[in-house]
Amino acid sequence: MERSDLGLTFKDNKLQFYNCELQRVASEFQTPFYLYSEVALNKNIHAFNEAKKLIAHETLVCFALKSNPNRRLIKHLANKGFGADVVSQGELLRAIDSGIPSNKIVFSGVGKQFSEIELAIRKDILSINVESLDELQTINEIAKGLDKVARVAFRLNPNVNALTHKHISTGSKRHKFGMQRREILKALEQKELWTNCKLIGLSVHIGSQLKELDATKLAIKATSNLAEEIGIELDFIDVGGGLGVSYQGEEVAGVVDYMKAVSESLSLKNVKRVIFEPGRVIAASAGVFVTKVIRVKSCTMSNFIIVDGGMNDFIRPSLYGAKHMAFPSRNTKSLKECSIVGPICETADTFAEELIFSELEKGDLIALAHAGAYGRSMSSNYNLRELPKEIWCNKEGELSDISP
């Protein structure tokens, strides 16, 4: 089983991730670990940058740090000209510390605290994306106390339903995110809210792991229409992120399809540029989660491959029911139906169920693909387990431990 498009191939019956042989990595670093490929990351960056040439206006790409805040990875993106989309004080400081200029940072999220807003204003970031009237009032008061003017953008809730997992859909009126059109227009009339705030843009984001683009088009059209209705010159429309990836080889909209949809849906009569907030589509396929077989076990109705990685290390399969393609570290001719499970004391600690897979032995490795986004960033110390390491493989094939 190979996927050359994901860089997962066999050489001398040993699994490679682009220019890196997994057994070699496991001989130097304890499993489980995340392995990131500079080659894969550059491939994704290039694809996104080429596709955005379809946009007729100036663009800024702000990587969503929530997907992967690793300092080495963020520094690499900063060197490629990326900005950052952040949702906490920690992410804001990580972005700046990793070399992303303040004027390329947007701050999103419904629950920004006083200290976070104050820090964002002091750091003079590009924009605080406002998600409620109370938040706008708070920003204005803090900026007044600092004798500064805060740049803000309204996040519109366009009331569209994205076809994705319910936990990561964010664009419906039932969701906590953003503001309704009428709320935004009303806020603009309240002069007392604008003594120390300046509206420079509009933002929209309807969810993550989006596989089709109909809802995206509707959301962007609604945002463009609102920009025209407001009528003033704006620096940007932030079209958010959320573009999905093909975890199981299923058909999903690609970056070129996405850019065409954005271009067709945007009307930028009074807007200077477009901001994108990709995360998953940049980082997911640039990383794999590597875990070692502890033992194999057969019960009355099931066969299990028990590995040393658990749901605390990589929670997406347990939390979302996400299905990540699994690759054995060696190709065996013998196949067997089995489930790949971890050591955590919960039945949900499962990476794959009833999968026809290579018969493996103690000490073999398994790599889970598309683990570079929402992998290590969502890991925990549940069961008092250590966090998995993060390993970087550069384009020369050299390895380094880039764990925090």
Protein backbone atom coordinates (compact mmCIF):
# COMPACT_ATOMS: atom_id res chain seq x y z
CA MET A 1 0.00 0.00 0.00
CA GLU A 2 1.52 3.28 -1.14
CA ARG A 3 0.39 6.85 -1.69
CA SER A 4 3.06 8.62 -3.70
CA ASP A 5 0.96 11.81 -3.72
CA LEU A 6 1.38 11.87 0.07
CA GLY A 7 5.05 10.92 -0.09
CA LEU A 8 4.33 7.54 1.53
CA THR A 9 6.16 4.90 -0.48
CA PHE A 10 8.27 1.80 0.10
CA LYS A 11 11.96 1.47 -0.68
CA ASP A 12 13.58 -1.90 -0.04
CA ASN A 13 10.33 -2.79 1.74
CA LYS A 14 10.78 0.07 4.22
CA LEU A 15 8.21 2.87 4.49
CA GLN A 16 9.44 6.32 3.47
CA PHE A 17 7.82 9.69 4.12
CA TYR A 18 9.22 11.71 1.24
CA ASN A 19 13.00 11.66 1.82
CA CYS A 20 12.81 10.15 5.31
CA GLU A 21 12.81 6.44 6.21
CA LEU A 22 10.59 5.86 9.24
CA GLN A 23 12.58 3.06 10.87
CA ARG A 24 15.62 5.35 10.87
CA VAL A 25 13.66 8.06 12.66
CA ALA A 26 12.33 5.56 15.22
CA SER A 27 15.86 4.37 15.90
CA GLU A 28 16.80 7.92 16.95
CA PHE A 29 13.60 9.13 18.63
CA GLN A 30 11.17 7.41 20.96
CA THR A 31 7.73 6.61 19.58
CA PRO A 32 5.08 7.85 19.32
CA PHE A 33 6.07 11.03 17.50
CA TYR A 34 4.94 13.45 14.83
CA LEU A 35 7.18 13.67 11.79
CA TYR A 36 7.02 16.78 9.60
CA SER A 37 8.52 17.00 6.12
CA GLU A 38 9.95 20.26 4.81
CA VAL A 39 9.54 18.88 1.28
CA ALA A 40 5.82 18.26 1.82
CA LEU A 41 5.29 21.63 3.50
CA ASN A 42 6.97 23.47 0.63
CA LYS A 43 4.80 21.52 -1.82
CA ASN A 44 1.62 22.68 -0.06
CA ILE A 45 2.81 26.28 0.23
CA HIS A 46 3.65 26.38 -3.48
CA ALA A 47 0.27 24.92 -4.46
CA PHE A 48 -1.62 27.50 -2.39
CA ASN A 49 0.48 30.43 -3.62
CA GLU A 50 0.07 29.38 -7.25
CA ALA A 51 -3.69 28.99 -6.86
CA LYS A 52 -4.19 32.40 -5.27
CA LYS A 53 -2.86 34.03 -8.43
CA LEU A 54 -6.44 33.56 -9.66
CA ILE A 55 -7.45 36.38 -7.30
CA ALA A 56 -7.26 39.71 -9.10
CA HIS A 57 -6.57 41.70 -5.93
CA GLU A 58 -3.73 41.86 -3.44
CA THR A 59 -3.71 38.92 -1.01
CA LEU A 60 -2.37 38.04 2.44
CA VAL A 61 -2.19 34.45 3.70
CA CYS A 62 -2.56 34.16 7.49
CA PHE A 63 -1.81 30.61 8.63
CA ALA A 64 -4.25 29.33 11.28
CA LEU A 65 -1.95 28.62 14.22
CA LYS A 66 -4.60 26.48 15.91
CA SER A 67 -3.89 23.78 13.32
CA ASN A 68 -0.18 23.55 14.18
CA PRO A 69 1.63 26.13 16.34
CA ASN A 70 5.05 24.46 16.24
CA ARG A 71 7.70 27.21 16.35
CA ARG A 72 9.91 25.67 13.65
CA LEU A 73 7.00 25.29 11.27
CA ILE A 74 5.76 28.85 11.93
CA LYS A 75 9.25 30.26 11.34
CA HIS A 76 9.34 28.44 8.02
CA LEU A 77 5.99 29.94 7.03
CA ALA A 78 7.10 33.39 8.17
CA ASN A 79 10.12 33.11 5.87
CA LYS A 80 7.69 32.33 3.04
CA GLY A 81 5.79 35.57 3.69
CA PHE A 82 2.85 34.13 5.62
CA GLY A 83 0.94 36.00 8.29
CA ALA A 84 -0.98 34.42 11.17
CA ASP A 85 -4.55 33.89 12.28
CA VAL A 86 -4.50 33.56 16.08
CA VAL A 87 -7.18 32.83 18.67
CA SER A 88 -5.35 33.31 21.99
CA GLN A 89 -2.62 35.27 23.74
CA GLY A 90 -0.35 32.24 23.50
CA GLU A 91 -0.79 31.98 19.75
CA LEU A 92 -0.26 35.72 19.31
CA LEU A 93 3.02 35.60 21.21
CA ARG A 94 4.08 32.43 19.36
CA ALA A 95 3.46 34.09 15.99
CA ILE A 96 5.49 37.18 16.88
CA ASP A 97 8.27 35.13 18.51
CA SER A 98 8.45 33.02 15.33
CA GLY A 99 9.07 36.03 13.12
CA ILE A 100 5.62 36.93 11.82
CA PRO A 101 5.23 40.74 11.67
CA SER A 102 2.45 42.24 13.78
CA ASN A 103 0.91 43.85 10.71
CA LYS A 104 0.27 40.36 9.29
CA ILE A 105 -1.65 39.04 12.32
CA VAL A 106 -5.43 38.84 12.73
CA PHE A 107 -7.01 37.85 16.05
CA SER A 108 -10.22 35.79 15.92
CA GLY A 109 -12.43 34.10 18.51
CA VAL A 110 -15.60 34.82 20.49
CA GLY A 111 -14.04 34.85 23.95
CA LYS A 112 -11.11 37.25 23.83
CA GLN A 113 -10.21 38.29 27.37
CA PHE A 114 -9.27 41.79 28.53
CA SER A 115 -5.57 40.92 28.75
CA GLU A 116 -5.60 39.41 25.26
CA ILE A 117 -7.26 42.44 23.70
CA GLU A 118 -4.84 44.75 25.50
CA LEU A 119 -1.86 42.74 24.25
CA ALA A 120 -3.19 42.77 20.67
CA ILE A 121 -3.56 46.56 20.77
CA ARG A 122 -0.13 47.08 22.32
CA LYS A 123 1.45 44.82 19.69
CA ASP A 124 -0.33 46.86 16.98
CA ILE A 125 -1.59 43.82 15.08
CA LEU A 126 -3.36 44.17 11.75
CA SER A 127 -6.87 43.50 13.05
CA ILE A 128 -8.98 42.23 15.91
CA ASN A 129 -11.91 40.38 14.33
CA VAL A 130 -14.95 41.43 16.37
CA GLU A 131 -17.64 38.85 17.15
CA SER A 132 -20.08 40.78 19.38
CA LEU A 133 -21.20 44.28 20.28
CA ASP A 134 -19.89 43.81 23.82
CA GLU A 135 -16.48 42.88 22.44
CA LEU A 136 -16.36 46.01 20.29
CA GLN A 137 -17.23 48.13 23.32
CA THR A 138 -14.48 46.46 25.35
CA ILE A 139 -11.91 46.99 22.60
CA ASN A 140 -12.81 50.67 22.34
CA GLU A 141 -12.52 51.16 26.10
CA ILE A 142 -9.15 49.41 26.30
CA ALA A 143 -7.79 51.33 23.31
CA LYS A 144 -8.97 54.61 24.89
CA GLY A 145 -7.13 53.76 28.10
CA LEU A 146 -3.98 53.10 26.09
CA ASP A 147 -4.45 56.26 24.01
CA LYS A 148 -4.43 54.18 20.83
CA VAL A 149 -6.75 53.41 17.94
CA ALA A 150 -7.51 49.71 17.50
CA ARG A 151 -8.02 48.34 14.00
CA VAL A 152 -10.99 45.99 13.88
CA ALA A 153 -12.97 43.89 11.42
CA PHE A 154 -16.48 42.56 11.91
CA ARG A 155 -16.92 38.81 11.62
CA LEU A 156 -20.16 38.21 9.77
CA ASN A 157 -22.28 35.18 10.59
CA PRO A 158 -23.78 34.53 7.13
CA ASN A 159 -26.26 31.91 8.36
CA VAL A 160 -25.16 29.14 5.98
CA ASN A 161 -24.73 25.47 6.79
CA ALA A 162 -21.39 23.99 5.76
CA LEU A 163 -21.29 20.28 4.96
CA THR A 164 -18.79 19.17 7.58
CA HIS A 165 -18.70 17.64 11.06
CA LYS A 166 -21.13 19.41 13.39
CA HIS A 167 -18.33 20.19 15.86
CA ILE A 168 -16.42 22.27 13.29
CA SER A 169 -19.29 24.01 11.49
CA THR A 170 -19.34 27.72 12.44
CA GLY A 171 -21.51 29.68 9.99
CA SER A 172 -25.12 29.09 11.11
CA LYS A 173 -27.25 31.47 13.16
CA ARG A 174 -27.34 28.73 15.82
CA HIS A 175 -23.56 28.93 16.23
CA LYS A 176 -21.74 31.20 18.66
CA PHE A 177 -19.53 32.76 16.01
CA GLY A 178 -19.75 36.17 14.39
CA MET A 179 -22.47 38.82 14.20
CA GLN A 180 -25.64 39.11 12.17
CA ARG A 181 -25.75 41.68 9.36
CA ARG A 182 -28.28 43.88 11.19
CA GLU A 183 -26.12 43.89 14.34
CA ILE A 184 -23.12 45.10 12.35
CA LEU A 185 -25.04 47.89 10.64
CA LYS A 186 -26.50 49.00 13.97
CA ALA A 187 -23.06 49.01 15.62
CA LEU A 188 -21.73 51.31 12.89
CA GLU A 189 -24.34 53.91 13.88
CA GLN A 190 -23.20 54.03 17.51
CA LYS A 191 -20.56 56.75 17.42
CA GLU A 192 -19.53 56.16 21.03
CA LEU A 193 -18.10 52.77 20.00
CA TRP A 194 -15.71 54.32 17.47
CA THR A 195 -13.78 56.93 19.42
CA ASN A 196 -10.76 54.58 19.54
CA CYS A 197 -11.64 51.91 17.00
CA LYS A 198 -11.34 51.95 13.23
CA LEU A 199 -13.17 49.53 10.96
CA ILE A 200 -10.75 48.23 8.34
CA GLY A 201 -12.35 45.00 7.16
CA LEU A 202 -14.92 42.24 7.25
CA SER A 203 -14.35 38.59 8.07
CA VAL A 204 -16.24 35.35 7.52
CA HIS A 205 -15.49 31.72 8.39
CA ILE A 206 -18.10 28.96 8.12
CA GLY A 207 -16.25 25.87 9.29
CA SER A 208 -13.35 23.49 8.89
CA GLN A 209 -12.70 20.46 6.63
CA LEU A 210 -14.99 21.87 3.93
CA LYS A 211 -15.29 19.40 1.04
CA GLU A 212 -17.59 21.37 -1.27
CA LEU A 213 -17.90 25.08 -1.91
CA ASP A 214 -21.58 26.01 -2.27
CA ALA A 215 -21.87 27.33 1.29
CA THR A 216 -18.50 29.08 0.91
CA LYS A 217 -19.75 30.96 -2.15
CA LEU A 218 -22.91 32.07 -0.34
CA ALA A 219 -20.91 33.27 2.67
CA ILE A 220 -18.43 35.26 0.57
CA LYS A 221 -21.23 36.83 -1.48
CA ALA A 222 -23.00 37.88 1.72
CA THR A 223 -19.77 39.44 3.02
CA SER A 224 -19.14 41.27 -0.26
CA ASN A 225 -22.69 42.60 -0.26
CA LEU A 226 -22.28 43.85 3.29
CA ALA A 227 -19.02 45.60 2.35
CA GLU A 228 -20.83 47.47 -0.44
CA GLU A 229 -23.71 48.31 1.90
CA ILE A 230 -21.33 49.77 4.47
CA GLY A 231 -19.87 51.86 1.68
CA ILE A 232 -16.59 53.00 3.23
CA GLU A 233 -13.14 52.03 1.95
CA LEU A 234 -11.96 48.82 3.62
CA ASP A 235 -8.49 47.34 3.76
CA PHE A 236 -9.64 43.74 3.39
CA ILE A 237 -12.24 41.02 3.28
CA ASP A 238 -11.04 38.00 5.24
CA VAL A 239 -12.61 34.92 3.63
CA GLY A 240 -11.42 32.62 6.42
CA GLY A 241 -10.09 29.13 5.92
CA GLY A 242 -11.46 25.64 6.36
CA LEU A 243 -10.57 24.09 3.01
CA GLY A 244 -10.63 20.32 3.47
CA VAL A 245 -8.18 17.55 2.61
CA SER A 246 -8.79 14.02 1.30
CA TYR A 247 -8.17 11.85 4.35
CA GLN A 248 -9.38 8.62 2.70
CA GLY A 249 -8.92 9.40 -0.96
CA GLU A 250 -12.42 10.85 -1.18
CA GLU A 251 -13.18 13.69 -3.58
CA VAL A 252 -12.76 17.16 -2.08
CA ALA A 253 -12.50 20.64 -3.54
CA GLY A 254 -8.88 21.53 -4.28
CA VAL A 255 -7.11 24.85 -3.84
CA VAL A 256 -7.64 25.84 -7.48
CA ASP A 257 -11.38 25.11 -7.21
CA TYR A 258 -11.45 27.11 -4.00
CA MET A 259 -9.72 30.14 -5.49
CA LYS A 260 -12.06 30.09 -8.48
CA ALA A 261 -15.04 30.04 -6.11
CA VAL A 262 -13.62 32.93 -4.09
CA SER A 263 -12.89 34.96 -7.22
CA GLU A 264 -16.38 34.38 -8.62
CA SER A 265 -18.11 35.27 -5.35
CA LEU A 266 -16.16 38.39 -4.37
CA SER A 267 -17.09 41.92 -5.26
CA LEU A 268 -14.31 44.26 -4.18
CA LYS A 269 -15.48 47.70 -5.28
CA ASN A 270 -14.40 49.32 -2.02
CA VAL A 271 -11.95 46.68 -0.70
CA LYS A 272 -8.19 46.68 -1.20
CA ARG A 273 -7.20 43.04 -0.60
CA VAL A 274 -8.26 39.53 0.34
CA ILE A 275 -7.05 37.62 3.41
CA PHE A 276 -6.99 33.82 3.61
CA GLU A 277 -6.71 31.76 6.80
CA PRO A 278 -5.61 28.25 5.71
CA GLY A 279 -4.43 25.73 8.27
CA ARG A 280 -5.30 22.14 7.45
CA VAL A 281 -4.63 22.44 3.70
CA ILE A 282 -1.10 23.73 4.43
CA ALA A 283 -0.06 21.50 7.33
CA ALA A 284 -2.08 18.27 7.31
CA SER A 285 -0.27 16.28 4.62
CA ALA A 286 3.09 17.68 5.74
CA GLY A 287 3.01 15.45 8.81
CA VAL A 288 2.47 11.84 9.87
CA PHE A 289 1.86 10.34 13.30
CA VAL A 290 4.20 7.40 13.89
CA THR A 291 3.46 4.79 16.53
CA LYS A 292 5.02 1.41 17.40
CA VAL A 293 3.29 -1.95 17.74
CA ILE A 294 3.40 -3.13 21.37
CA ARG A 295 1.66 -6.44 20.72
CA VAL A 296 -1.06 -8.12 18.68
CA LYS A 297 -4.10 -9.68 20.31
CA SER A 298 -6.96 -11.85 19.06
CA CYS A 299 -10.30 -12.13 20.83
CA THR A 300 -13.42 -14.14 19.97
CA MET A 301 -14.62 -11.73 17.29
CA SER A 302 -11.79 -9.25 16.79
CA ASN A 303 -8.09 -8.92 16.08
CA PHE A 304 -6.20 -6.00 17.57
CA ILE A 305 -2.90 -4.29 16.81
CA ILE A 306 -2.04 -2.51 20.06
CA VAL A 307 0.27 0.47 19.60
CA ASP A 308 2.09 2.82 21.96
CA GLY A 309 0.32 5.94 20.66
CA GLY A 310 -3.01 6.84 22.21
CA MET A 311 -5.97 9.16 21.85
CA ASN A 312 -4.17 11.63 24.10
CA ASP A 313 -1.45 11.87 21.43
CA PHE A 314 -3.74 12.05 18.41
CA ILE A 315 -7.39 12.63 19.31
CA ARG A 316 -9.02 13.27 15.93
CA PRO A 317 -10.17 9.66 15.36
CA SER A 318 -11.71 9.50 18.84
CA LEU A 319 -13.18 13.02 18.91
CA TYR A 320 -14.51 13.37 15.37
CA GLY A 321 -14.58 9.80 14.14
CA ALA A 322 -11.91 10.92 11.67
CA LYS A 323 -10.43 8.20 9.50
CA HIS A 324 -6.73 8.63 8.76
CA MET A 325 -5.08 6.25 6.31
CA ALA A 326 -2.72 3.86 8.12
CA PHE A 327 0.52 2.61 6.57
CA PRO A 328 2.68 -0.28 7.88
CA SER A 329 6.42 0.28 8.15
CA ARG A 330 6.98 -2.83 6.02
CA ASN A 331 4.90 -4.45 3.32
CA THR A 332 3.82 -7.94 4.30
CA LYS A 333 2.12 -10.35 1.90
CA SER A 334 -0.18 -11.61 4.64
CA LEU A 335 -3.26 -9.47 5.31
CA LYS A 336 -5.77 -9.70 8.12
CA GLU A 337 -8.83 -7.82 9.34
CA CYS A 338 -7.90 -5.95 12.49
CA SER A 339 -8.41 -2.83 14.57
CA ILE A 340 -5.56 -0.49 15.48
CA VAL A 341 -5.94 0.58 19.11
CA GLY A 342 -3.94 2.45 21.72
CA PRO A 343 -3.15 1.92 25.41
CA ILE A 344 -5.60 4.44 26.90
CA CYS A 345 -8.28 3.05 29.21
CA GLU A 346 -11.17 3.94 26.92
CA THR A 347 -12.78 2.00 24.09
CA ALA A 348 -12.71 5.20 22.03
CA ASP A 349 -8.91 4.91 21.93
CA THR A 350 -9.05 3.49 18.42
CA PHE A 351 -7.28 4.65 15.25
CA ALA A 352 -8.92 2.24 12.79
CA GLU A 353 -11.63 -0.41 13.06
CA GLU A 354 -12.03 -3.67 11.11
CA LEU A 355 -9.34 -2.69 8.63
CA ILE A 356 -7.79 -5.13 6.16
CA PHE A 357 -4.16 -4.54 7.07
CA SER A 358 -0.72 -6.09 6.95
CA GLU A 359 -0.06 -8.66 9.65
CA LEU A 360 2.46 -6.93 11.88
CA GLU A 361 4.63 -7.94 14.80
CA LYS A 362 5.86 -6.35 17.99
CA GLY A 363 8.27 -3.50 17.13
CA ASP A 364 6.80 -2.71 13.70
CA LEU A 365 5.67 0.85 13.03
CA ILE A 366 2.42 2.33 11.77
CA ALA A 367 2.17 5.80 10.23
CA LEU A 368 -1.13 7.72 10.18
CA ALA A 369 -1.29 10.17 7.28
CA HIS A 370 -2.51 13.79 7.29
CA ALA A 371 -1.45 14.27 10.92
CA GLY A 372 0.30 17.62 10.48
CA ALA A 373 -2.82 19.63 11.34
CA TYR A 374 -4.88 19.32 14.52
CA GLY A 375 -2.60 16.56 15.74
CA ARG A 376 0.05 17.58 18.25
CA SER A 377 -1.79 20.89 18.85
CA MET A 378 -4.73 18.92 20.32
CA SER A 379 -2.70 16.37 22.30
CA SER A 380 -2.85 16.14 26.09
CA ASN A 381 -1.32 14.47 29.14
CA TYR A 382 -4.40 12.31 29.72
CA ASN A 383 -3.52 9.23 31.80
CA LEU A 384 -0.43 11.26 32.81
CA ARG A 385 1.27 10.29 29.56
CA GLU A 386 4.08 12.36 28.11
CA LEU A 387 3.33 14.45 25.05
CA PRO A 388 4.64 13.01 21.78
CA LYS A 389 7.75 14.57 20.29
CA GLU A 390 7.76 16.52 17.05
CA ILE A 391 10.51 15.70 14.55
CA TRP A 392 11.48 17.84 11.55
CA CYS A 393 12.97 16.31 8.41
CA ASN A 394 14.52 19.00 6.23
CA LYS A 395 14.85 18.83 2.47
CA GLU A 396 18.31 17.24 2.85
CA GLY A 397 16.82 14.44 4.96
CA GLU A 398 18.40 15.65 8.21
CA LEU A 399 16.39 15.12 11.40
CA SER A 400 15.92 17.43 14.37
CA ASP A 401 13.75 17.40 17.48
CA ILE A 402 11.57 20.53 17.31
CA SER A 403 9.34 19.76 20.29
CA PRO A 404 8.49 22.74 22.54
